[in-house]
Full PDB file with SEQRES, HELIX, SHEET, SSBOND, CRYST1, ORIGX, SCALE, CONECT and MASTER records, all heavy atoms in Angstrom:
SEQRES   1 A   33  VAL PHE LEU LEU GLY CYS VAL ALA ALA ILE VAL LEU PRO          
SEQRES   2 A   33  TYR ARG LEU ARG LYS ILE TYR SER SER SER ILE LYS SER          
SEQRES   3 A   33  GLU ILE LEU GLY VAL PRO VAL                                  
HELIX    1 AA1 PHE A    2  ARG A   15  1                                  14    
HELIX    2 AA2 ARG A   17  SER A   21  1                                   5    
SHEET    1 AA1 2 GLU A  27  ILE A  28  0                                        
SHEET    2 AA1 2 VAL A  31  PRO A  32 -1                                        
CRYST1    1.000    1.000    1.000  90.00  90.00  90.00 P 1           1          
ORIGX1      1.000000  0.000000  0.000000        0.00000                         
ORIGX2      0.000000  1.000000  0.000000        0.00000                         
ORIGX3      0.000000  0.000000  1.000000        0.00000                         
SCALE1      1.000000  0.000000  0.000000        0.00000                         
SCALE2      0.000000  1.000000  0.000000        0.00000                         
SCALE3      0.000000  0.000000  1.000000        0.00000                         
ATOM      1  N   VAL A   1     135.663 106.803  94.941  1.00  0.00           N  
ATOM      2  CA  VAL A   1     136.416 105.672  94.390  1.00  0.00           C  
ATOM      3  C   VAL A   1     135.862 104.352  94.931  1.00  0.00           C  
ATOM      4  O   VAL A   1     135.649 103.400  94.169  1.00  0.00           O  
ATOM      5  CB  VAL A   1     137.921 105.811  94.710  1.00  0.00           C  
ATOM      6  CG1 VAL A   1     138.670 104.534  94.382  1.00  0.00           C  
ATOM      7  CG2 VAL A   1     138.506 106.972  93.938  1.00  0.00           C  
ATOM      8  N   PHE A   2     135.617 104.280  96.223  1.00  0.00           N  
ATOM      9  CA  PHE A   2     135.064 103.055  96.803  1.00  0.00           C  
ATOM     10  C   PHE A   2     133.657 102.777  96.282  1.00  0.00           C  
ATOM     11  O   PHE A   2     133.272 101.622  96.107  1.00  0.00           O  
ATOM     12  CB  PHE A   2     135.062 103.120  98.327  1.00  0.00           C  
ATOM     13  CG  PHE A   2     136.437 103.053  98.943  1.00  0.00           C  
ATOM     14  CD1 PHE A   2     136.735 103.800 100.053  1.00  0.00           C  
ATOM     15  CD2 PHE A   2     137.423 102.254  98.405  1.00  0.00           C  
ATOM     16  CE1 PHE A   2     137.992 103.743 100.630  1.00  0.00           C  
ATOM     17  CE2 PHE A   2     138.683 102.184  98.962  1.00  0.00           C  
ATOM     18  CZ  PHE A   2     138.973 102.937 100.080  1.00  0.00           C  
ATOM     19  N   LEU A   3     132.889 103.831  96.033  1.00  0.00           N  
ATOM     20  CA  LEU A   3     131.555 103.673  95.459  1.00  0.00           C  
ATOM     21  C   LEU A   3     131.655 103.017  94.077  1.00  0.00           C  
ATOM     22  O   LEU A   3     130.892 102.103  93.760  1.00  0.00           O  
ATOM     23  CB  LEU A   3     130.850 105.028  95.365  1.00  0.00           C  
ATOM     24  CG  LEU A   3     129.458 105.045  94.747  1.00  0.00           C  
ATOM     25  CD1 LEU A   3     128.486 104.204  95.558  1.00  0.00           C  
ATOM     26  CD2 LEU A   3     128.947 106.473  94.649  1.00  0.00           C  
ATOM     27  N   LEU A   4     132.607 103.452  93.271  1.00  0.00           N  
ATOM     28  CA  LEU A   4     132.821 102.822  91.958  1.00  0.00           C  
ATOM     29  C   LEU A   4     133.232 101.359  92.111  1.00  0.00           C  
ATOM     30  O   LEU A   4     132.821 100.506  91.328  1.00  0.00           O  
ATOM     31  CB  LEU A   4     133.868 103.590  91.165  1.00  0.00           C  
ATOM     32  CG  LEU A   4     133.453 104.972  90.681  1.00  0.00           C  
ATOM     33  CD1 LEU A   4     134.626 105.687  90.026  1.00  0.00           C  
ATOM     34  CD2 LEU A   4     132.277 104.883  89.732  1.00  0.00           C  
ATOM     35  N   GLY A   5     134.038 101.069  93.136  1.00  0.00           N  
ATOM     36  CA  GLY A   5     134.417  99.680  93.410  1.00  0.00           C  
ATOM     37  C   GLY A   5     133.211  98.821  93.776  1.00  0.00           C  
ATOM     38  O   GLY A   5     133.104  97.668  93.362  1.00  0.00           O  
ATOM     39  N   CYS A   6     132.292  99.397  94.541  1.00  0.00           N  
ATOM     40  CA  CYS A   6     131.073  98.671  94.903  1.00  0.00           C  
ATOM     41  C   CYS A   6     130.207  98.405  93.676  1.00  0.00           C  
ATOM     42  O   CYS A   6     129.646  97.316  93.533  1.00  0.00           O  
ATOM     43  CB  CYS A   6     130.280  99.450  95.955  1.00  0.00           C  
ATOM     44  SG  CYS A   6     131.049  99.433  97.580  1.00  0.00           S  
ATOM     45  N   VAL A   7     130.113  99.378  92.798  1.00  0.00           N  
ATOM     46  CA  VAL A   7     129.353  99.187  91.561  1.00  0.00           C  
ATOM     47  C   VAL A   7     130.010  98.084  90.720  1.00  0.00           C  
ATOM     48  O   VAL A   7     129.316  97.232  90.144  1.00  0.00           O  
ATOM     49  CB  VAL A   7     129.242 100.507  90.765  1.00  0.00           C  
ATOM     50  CG1 VAL A   7     128.658 100.282  89.386  1.00  0.00           C  
ATOM     51  CG2 VAL A   7     128.406 101.512  91.551  1.00  0.00           C  
ATOM     52  N   ALA A   8     131.330  98.064  90.687  1.00  0.00           N  
ATOM     53  CA  ALA A   8     132.045  96.997  89.969  1.00  0.00           C  
ATOM     54  C   ALA A   8     131.741  95.633  90.577  1.00  0.00           C  
ATOM     55  O   ALA A   8     131.562  94.645  89.856  1.00  0.00           O  
ATOM     56  CB  ALA A   8     133.543  97.273  89.986  1.00  0.00           C  
ATOM     57  N   ALA A   9     131.652  95.555  91.903  1.00  0.00           N  
ATOM     58  CA  ALA A   9     131.323  94.288  92.569  1.00  0.00           C  
ATOM     59  C   ALA A   9     129.914  93.836  92.213  1.00  0.00           C  
ATOM     60  O   ALA A   9     129.660  92.635  92.065  1.00  0.00           O  
ATOM     61  CB  ALA A   9     131.467  94.437  94.085  1.00  0.00           C  
ATOM     62  N   ILE A  10     129.003  94.783  92.062  1.00  0.00           N  
ATOM     63  CA  ILE A  10     127.624  94.436  91.711  1.00  0.00           C  
ATOM     64  C   ILE A  10     127.569  93.810  90.315  1.00  0.00           C  
ATOM     65  O   ILE A  10     126.916  92.790  90.102  1.00  0.00           O  
ATOM     66  CB  ILE A  10     126.711  95.684  91.766  1.00  0.00           C  
ATOM     67  CG1 ILE A  10     126.584  96.183  93.206  1.00  0.00           C  
ATOM     68  CG2 ILE A  10     125.338  95.377  91.183  1.00  0.00           C  
ATOM     69  CD1 ILE A  10     125.936  97.557  93.339  1.00  0.00           C  
ATOM     70  N   VAL A  11     128.247  94.411  89.354  1.00  0.00           N  
ATOM     71  CA  VAL A  11     128.126  93.969  87.965  1.00  0.00           C  
ATOM     72  C   VAL A  11     129.124  92.876  87.566  1.00  0.00           C  
ATOM     73  O   VAL A  11     128.936  92.248  86.526  1.00  0.00           O  
ATOM     74  CB  VAL A  11     128.228  95.157  86.979  1.00  0.00           C  
ATOM     75  CG1 VAL A  11     127.146  96.168  87.248  1.00  0.00           C  
ATOM     76  CG2 VAL A  11     129.600  95.792  87.021  1.00  0.00           C  
ATOM     77  N   LEU A  12     130.149  92.633  88.369  1.00  0.00           N  
ATOM     78  CA  LEU A  12     131.172  91.644  88.008  1.00  0.00           C  
ATOM     79  C   LEU A  12     130.604  90.292  87.615  1.00  0.00           C  
ATOM     80  O   LEU A  12     130.948  89.763  86.550  1.00  0.00           O  
ATOM     81  CB  LEU A  12     132.195  91.473  89.136  1.00  0.00           C  
ATOM     82  CG  LEU A  12     133.183  90.334  88.917  1.00  0.00           C  
ATOM     83  CD1 LEU A  12     134.318  90.809  88.025  1.00  0.00           C  
ATOM     84  CD2 LEU A  12     133.711  89.807  90.213  1.00  0.00           C  
ATOM     85  N   PRO A  13     129.737  89.677  88.424  1.00  0.00           N  
ATOM     86  CA  PRO A  13     129.248  88.346  88.038  1.00  0.00           C  
ATOM     87  C   PRO A  13     128.447  88.330  86.732  1.00  0.00           C  
ATOM     88  O   PRO A  13     128.347  87.292  86.085  1.00  0.00           O  
ATOM     89  CB  PRO A  13     128.340  87.947  89.207  1.00  0.00           C  
ATOM     90  CG  PRO A  13     128.749  88.805  90.341  1.00  0.00           C  
ATOM     91  CD  PRO A  13     129.234  90.087  89.731  1.00  0.00           C  
ATOM     92  N   TYR A  14     127.892  89.447  86.349  1.00  0.00           N  
ATOM     93  CA  TYR A  14     127.078  89.512  85.151  1.00  0.00           C  
ATOM     94  C   TYR A  14     127.883  89.981  83.941  1.00  0.00           C  
ATOM     95  O   TYR A  14     127.654  89.524  82.828  1.00  0.00           O  
ATOM     96  CB  TYR A  14     125.884  90.448  85.383  1.00  0.00           C  
ATOM     97  CG  TYR A  14     125.127  90.071  86.638  1.00  0.00           C  
ATOM     98  CD1 TYR A  14     125.267  90.812  87.809  1.00  0.00           C  
ATOM     99  CD2 TYR A  14     124.316  88.944  86.664  1.00  0.00           C  
ATOM    100  CE1 TYR A  14     124.599  90.446  88.964  1.00  0.00           C  
ATOM    101  CE2 TYR A  14     123.634  88.580  87.825  1.00  0.00           C  
ATOM    102  CZ  TYR A  14     123.782  89.336  88.965  1.00  0.00           C  
ATOM    103  OH  TYR A  14     123.130  88.966  90.110  1.00  0.00           O  
ATOM    104  N   ARG A  15     128.808  90.872  84.162  1.00  0.00           N  
ATOM    105  CA  ARG A  15     129.615  91.439  83.081  1.00  0.00           C  
ATOM    106  C   ARG A  15     130.773  90.519  82.700  1.00  0.00           C  
ATOM    107  O   ARG A  15     131.103  90.385  81.533  1.00  0.00           O  
ATOM    108  CB  ARG A  15     130.140  92.810  83.522  1.00  0.00           C  
ATOM    109  CG  ARG A  15     131.031  93.503  82.550  1.00  0.00           C  
ATOM    110  CD  ARG A  15     130.228  94.325  81.557  1.00  0.00           C  
ATOM    111  NE  ARG A  15     131.079  95.221  80.810  1.00  0.00           N  
ATOM    112  CZ  ARG A  15     131.673  94.882  79.677  1.00  0.00           C  
ATOM    113  NH1 ARG A  15     131.523  93.697  79.181  1.00  0.00           N  
ATOM    114  NH2 ARG A  15     132.423  95.754  79.031  1.00  0.00           N  
ATOM    115  N   LEU A  16     131.414  89.914  83.687  1.00  0.00           N  
ATOM    116  CA  LEU A  16     132.561  89.021  83.452  1.00  0.00           C  
ATOM    117  C   LEU A  16     132.229  87.631  83.997  1.00  0.00           C  
ATOM    118  O   LEU A  16     132.832  87.146  84.959  1.00  0.00           O  
ATOM    119  CB  LEU A  16     133.814  89.595  84.115  1.00  0.00           C  
ATOM    120  CG  LEU A  16     134.266  90.972  83.626  1.00  0.00           C  
ATOM    121  CD1 LEU A  16     135.386  91.519  84.479  1.00  0.00           C  
ATOM    122  CD2 LEU A  16     134.680  90.920  82.171  1.00  0.00           C  
ATOM    123  N   ARG A  17     131.262  86.982  83.371  1.00  0.00           N  
ATOM    124  CA  ARG A  17     130.766  85.686  83.846  1.00  0.00           C  
ATOM    125  C   ARG A  17     131.855  84.628  83.949  1.00  0.00           C  
ATOM    126  O   ARG A  17     131.882  83.858  84.888  1.00  0.00           O  
ATOM    127  CB  ARG A  17     129.676  85.171  82.915  1.00  0.00           C  
ATOM    128  CG  ARG A  17     128.359  85.863  83.072  1.00  0.00           C  
ATOM    129  CD  ARG A  17     127.285  85.102  82.279  1.00  0.00           C  
ATOM    130  NE  ARG A  17     126.039  85.819  82.277  1.00  0.00           N  
ATOM    131  CZ  ARG A  17     125.170  85.817  83.280  1.00  0.00           C  
ATOM    132  NH1 ARG A  17     125.447  85.151  84.371  1.00  0.00           N  
ATOM    133  NH2 ARG A  17     124.055  86.495  83.189  1.00  0.00           N  
ATOM    134  N   LYS A  18     132.741  84.609  82.986  1.00  0.00           N  
ATOM    135  CA  LYS A  18     133.793  83.586  82.962  1.00  0.00           C  
ATOM    136  C   LYS A  18     134.705  83.715  84.183  1.00  0.00           C  
ATOM    137  O   LYS A  18     135.061  82.725  84.815  1.00  0.00           O  
ATOM    138  CB  LYS A  18     134.595  83.708  81.665  1.00  0.00           C  
ATOM    139  CG  LYS A  18     135.506  82.567  81.394  1.00  0.00           C  
ATOM    140  CD  LYS A  18     136.124  82.715  80.006  1.00  0.00           C  
ATOM    141  CE  LYS A  18     137.040  81.565  79.698  1.00  0.00           C  
ATOM    142  NZ  LYS A  18     137.665  81.708  78.384  1.00  0.00           N  
ATOM    143  N   ILE A  19     135.070  84.936  84.513  1.00  0.00           N  
ATOM    144  CA  ILE A  19     135.924  85.163  85.676  1.00  0.00           C  
ATOM    145  C   ILE A  19     135.179  84.808  86.953  1.00  0.00           C  
ATOM    146  O   ILE A  19     135.699  84.139  87.832  1.00  0.00           O  
ATOM    147  CB  ILE A  19     136.423  86.613  85.706  1.00  0.00           C  
ATOM    148  CG1 ILE A  19     137.384  86.853  84.553  1.00  0.00           C  
ATOM    149  CG2 ILE A  19     137.086  86.947  87.037  1.00  0.00           C  
ATOM    150  CD1 ILE A  19     137.773  88.285  84.353  1.00  0.00           C  
ATOM    151  N   TYR A  20     133.920  85.216  87.051  1.00  0.00           N  
ATOM    152  CA  TYR A  20     133.124  84.911  88.233  1.00  0.00           C  
ATOM    153  C   TYR A  20     132.927  83.401  88.373  1.00  0.00           C  
ATOM    154  O   TYR A  20     133.052  82.847  89.468  1.00  0.00           O  
ATOM    155  CB  TYR A  20     131.771  85.619  88.176  1.00  0.00           C  
ATOM    156  CG  TYR A  20     130.861  85.222  89.307  1.00  0.00           C  
ATOM    157  CD1 TYR A  20     131.130  85.633  90.603  1.00  0.00           C  
ATOM    158  CD2 TYR A  20     129.743  84.430  89.091  1.00  0.00           C  
ATOM    159  CE1 TYR A  20     130.312  85.268  91.656  1.00  0.00           C  
ATOM    160  CE2 TYR A  20     128.916  84.061  90.129  1.00  0.00           C  
ATOM    161  CZ  TYR A  20     129.205  84.478  91.407  1.00  0.00           C  
ATOM    162  OH  TYR A  20     128.401  84.104  92.445  1.00  0.00           O  
ATOM    163  N   SER A  21     132.666  82.730  87.269  1.00  0.00           N  
ATOM    164  CA  SER A  21     132.438  81.286  87.310  1.00  0.00           C  
ATOM    165  C   SER A  21     133.674  80.514  87.727  1.00  0.00           C  
ATOM    166  O   SER A  21     133.577  79.441  88.312  1.00  0.00           O  
ATOM    167  CB  SER A  21     131.960  80.792  85.950  1.00  0.00           C  
ATOM    168  OG  SER A  21     130.722  81.373  85.634  1.00  0.00           O  
ATOM    169  N   SER A  22     134.851  81.045  87.424  1.00  0.00           N  
ATOM    170  CA  SER A  22     136.084  80.342  87.773  1.00  0.00           C  
ATOM    171  C   SER A  22     136.547  80.665  89.189  1.00  0.00           C  
ATOM    172  O   SER A  22     137.532  80.126  89.662  1.00  0.00           O  
ATOM    173  CB  SER A  22     137.191  80.671  86.774  1.00  0.00           C  
ATOM    174  OG  SER A  22     137.530  82.038  86.871  1.00  0.00           O  
ATOM    175  N   SER A  23     135.828  81.565  89.883  1.00  0.00           N  
ATOM    176  CA  SER A  23     136.184  81.904  91.261  1.00  0.00           C  
ATOM    177  C   SER A  23     135.331  81.073  92.214  1.00  0.00           C  
ATOM    178  O   SER A  23     134.566  80.197  91.803  1.00  0.00           O  
ATOM    179  CB  SER A  23     135.956  83.391  91.517  1.00  0.00           C  
ATOM    180  OG  SER A  23     134.570  83.666  91.485  1.00  0.00           O  
ATOM    181  N   ILE A  24     135.446  81.360  93.473  1.00  0.00           N  
ATOM    182  CA  ILE A  24     134.622  80.691  94.475  1.00  0.00           C  
ATOM    183  C   ILE A  24     133.245  81.338  94.427  1.00  0.00           C  
ATOM    184  O   ILE A  24     133.034  82.415  94.969  1.00  0.00           O  
ATOM    185  CB  ILE A  24     135.236  80.816  95.885  1.00  0.00           C  
ATOM    186  CG1 ILE A  24     136.628  80.215  95.890  1.00  0.00           C  
ATOM    187  CG2 ILE A  24     134.341  80.163  96.916  1.00  0.00           C  
ATOM    188  CD1 ILE A  24     137.387  80.471  97.166  1.00  0.00           C  
ATOM    189  N   LYS A  25     132.323  80.684  93.742  1.00  0.00           N  
ATOM    190  CA  LYS A  25     130.981  81.253  93.594  1.00  0.00           C  
ATOM    191  C   LYS A  25     130.203  81.021  94.886  1.00  0.00           C  
ATOM    192  O   LYS A  25     130.146  79.917  95.400  1.00  0.00           O  
ATOM    193  CB  LYS A  25     130.245  80.609  92.436  1.00  0.00           C  
ATOM    194  CG  LYS A  25     130.798  80.963  91.098  1.00  0.00           C  
ATOM    195  CD  LYS A  25     129.942  80.533  89.932  1.00  0.00           C  
ATOM    196  CE  LYS A  25     129.105  79.332  90.158  1.00  0.00           C  
ATOM    197  NZ  LYS A  25     128.369  78.887  88.995  1.00  0.00           N  
ATOM    198  N   SER A  26     129.633  82.079  95.388  1.00  0.00           N  
ATOM    199  CA  SER A  26     128.784  81.984  96.561  1.00  0.00           C  
ATOM    200  C   SER A  26     127.544  82.817  96.289  1.00  0.00           C  
ATOM    201  O   SER A  26     127.649  83.989  95.933  1.00  0.00           O  
ATOM    202  CB  SER A  26     129.532  82.505  97.793  1.00  0.00           C  
ATOM    203  OG  SER A  26     128.736  82.344  98.936  1.00  0.00           O  
ATOM    204  N   GLU A  27     126.396  82.187  96.438  1.00  0.00           N  
ATOM    205  CA  GLU A  27     125.151  82.871  96.110  1.00  0.00           C  
ATOM    206  C   GLU A  27     124.123  82.675  97.213  1.00  0.00           C  
ATOM    207  O   GLU A  27     124.136  81.668  97.914  1.00  0.00           O  
ATOM    208  CB  GLU A  27     124.601  82.360  94.779  1.00  0.00           C  
ATOM    209  CG  GLU A  27     125.538  82.626  93.617  1.00  0.00           C  
ATOM    210  CD  GLU A  27     125.013  82.088  92.293  1.00  0.00           C  
ATOM    211  OE1 GLU A  27     124.016  81.335  92.308  1.00  0.00           O  
ATOM    212  OE2 GLU A  27     125.605  82.421  91.259  1.00  0.00           O  
ATOM    213  N   ILE A  28     123.250  83.645  97.347  1.00  0.00           N  
ATOM    214  CA  ILE A  28     122.115  83.564  98.257  1.00  0.00           C  
ATOM    215  C   ILE A  28     120.867  83.757  97.416  1.00  0.00           C  
ATOM    216  O   ILE A  28     120.694  84.822  96.797  1.00  0.00           O  
ATOM    217  CB  ILE A  28     122.200  84.630  99.367  1.00  0.00           C  
ATOM    218  CG1 ILE A  28     123.441  84.396 100.225  1.00  0.00           C  
ATOM    219  CG2 ILE A  28     120.928  84.623 100.209  1.00  0.00           C  
ATOM    220  CD1 ILE A  28     123.677  85.461 101.275  1.00  0.00           C  
ATOM    221  N   LEU A  29     120.035  82.724  97.362  1.00  0.00           N  
ATOM    222  CA  LEU A  29     118.817  82.745  96.555  1.00  0.00           C  
ATOM    223  C   LEU A  29     119.111  83.100  95.097  1.00  0.00           C  
ATOM    224  O   LEU A  29     118.374  83.848  94.450  1.00  0.00           O  
ATOM    225  CB  LEU A  29     117.779  83.701  97.141  1.00  0.00           C  
ATOM    226  CG  LEU A  29     117.305  83.400  98.577  1.00  0.00           C  
ATOM    227  CD1 LEU A  29     116.406  84.521  99.082  1.00  0.00           C  
ATOM    228  CD2 LEU A  29     116.585  82.059  98.623  1.00  0.00           C  
ATOM    229  N   GLY A  30     120.231  82.611  94.588  1.00  0.00           N  
ATOM    230  CA  GLY A  30     120.603  82.834  93.202  1.00  0.00           C  
ATOM    231  C   GLY A  30     121.281  84.158  92.916  1.00  0.00           C  
ATOM    232  O   GLY A  30     121.649  84.429  91.787  1.00  0.00           O  
ATOM    233  N   VAL A  31     121.458  84.999  93.943  1.00  0.00           N  
ATOM    234  CA  VAL A  31     122.117  86.296  93.760  1.00  0.00           C  
ATOM    235  C   VAL A  31     123.551  86.180  94.287  1.00  0.00           C  
ATOM    236  O   VAL A  31     123.758  85.762  95.428  1.00  0.00           O  
ATOM    237  CB  VAL A  31     121.362  87.419  94.509  1.00  0.00           C  
ATOM    238  CG1 VAL A  31     122.070  88.748  94.330  1.00  0.00           C  
ATOM    239  CG2 VAL A  31     119.920  87.496  94.044  1.00  0.00           C  
ATOM    240  N   PRO A  32     124.531  86.529  93.484  1.00  0.00           N  
ATOM    241  CA  PRO A  32     125.927  86.439  93.934  1.00  0.00           C  
ATOM    242  C   PRO A  32     126.167  87.280  95.194  1.00  0.00           C  
ATOM    243  O   PRO A  32     125.719  88.430  95.281  1.00  0.00           O  
ATOM    244  CB  PRO A  32     126.725  86.987  92.758  1.00  0.00           C  
ATOM    245  CG  PRO A  32     125.826  86.833  91.577  1.00  0.00           C  
ATOM    246  CD  PRO A  32     124.442  86.993  92.103  1.00  0.00           C  
ATOM    247  N   VAL A  33     126.867  86.685  96.163  1.00  0.00           N  
ATOM    248  CA  VAL A  33     127.163  87.383  97.413  1.00  0.00           C  
ATOM    249  C   VAL A  33     127.983  88.639  97.157  1.00  0.00           C  
ATOM    250  O   VAL A  33     127.772  89.673  97.797  1.00  0.00           O  
ATOM    251  CB  VAL A  33     127.883  86.441  98.413  1.00  0.00           C  
ATOM    252  CG1 VAL A  33     128.370  87.196  99.629  1.00  0.00           C  
ATOM    253  CG2 VAL A  33     126.961  85.312  98.829  1.00  0.00           C  
TER     254      VAL A  33                                                      
MASTER        0    0    0    2    2    0    0    6  253    1    0    3          
END                                                                             
């Protein structure tokens, strides 16, 4: 279950851009933290 949560964290900024953009965006070298 936690592994699936980690996969969701990886794809969230790319799959749900609007939600990610409206949150506190933090990136390292252009990759979302």
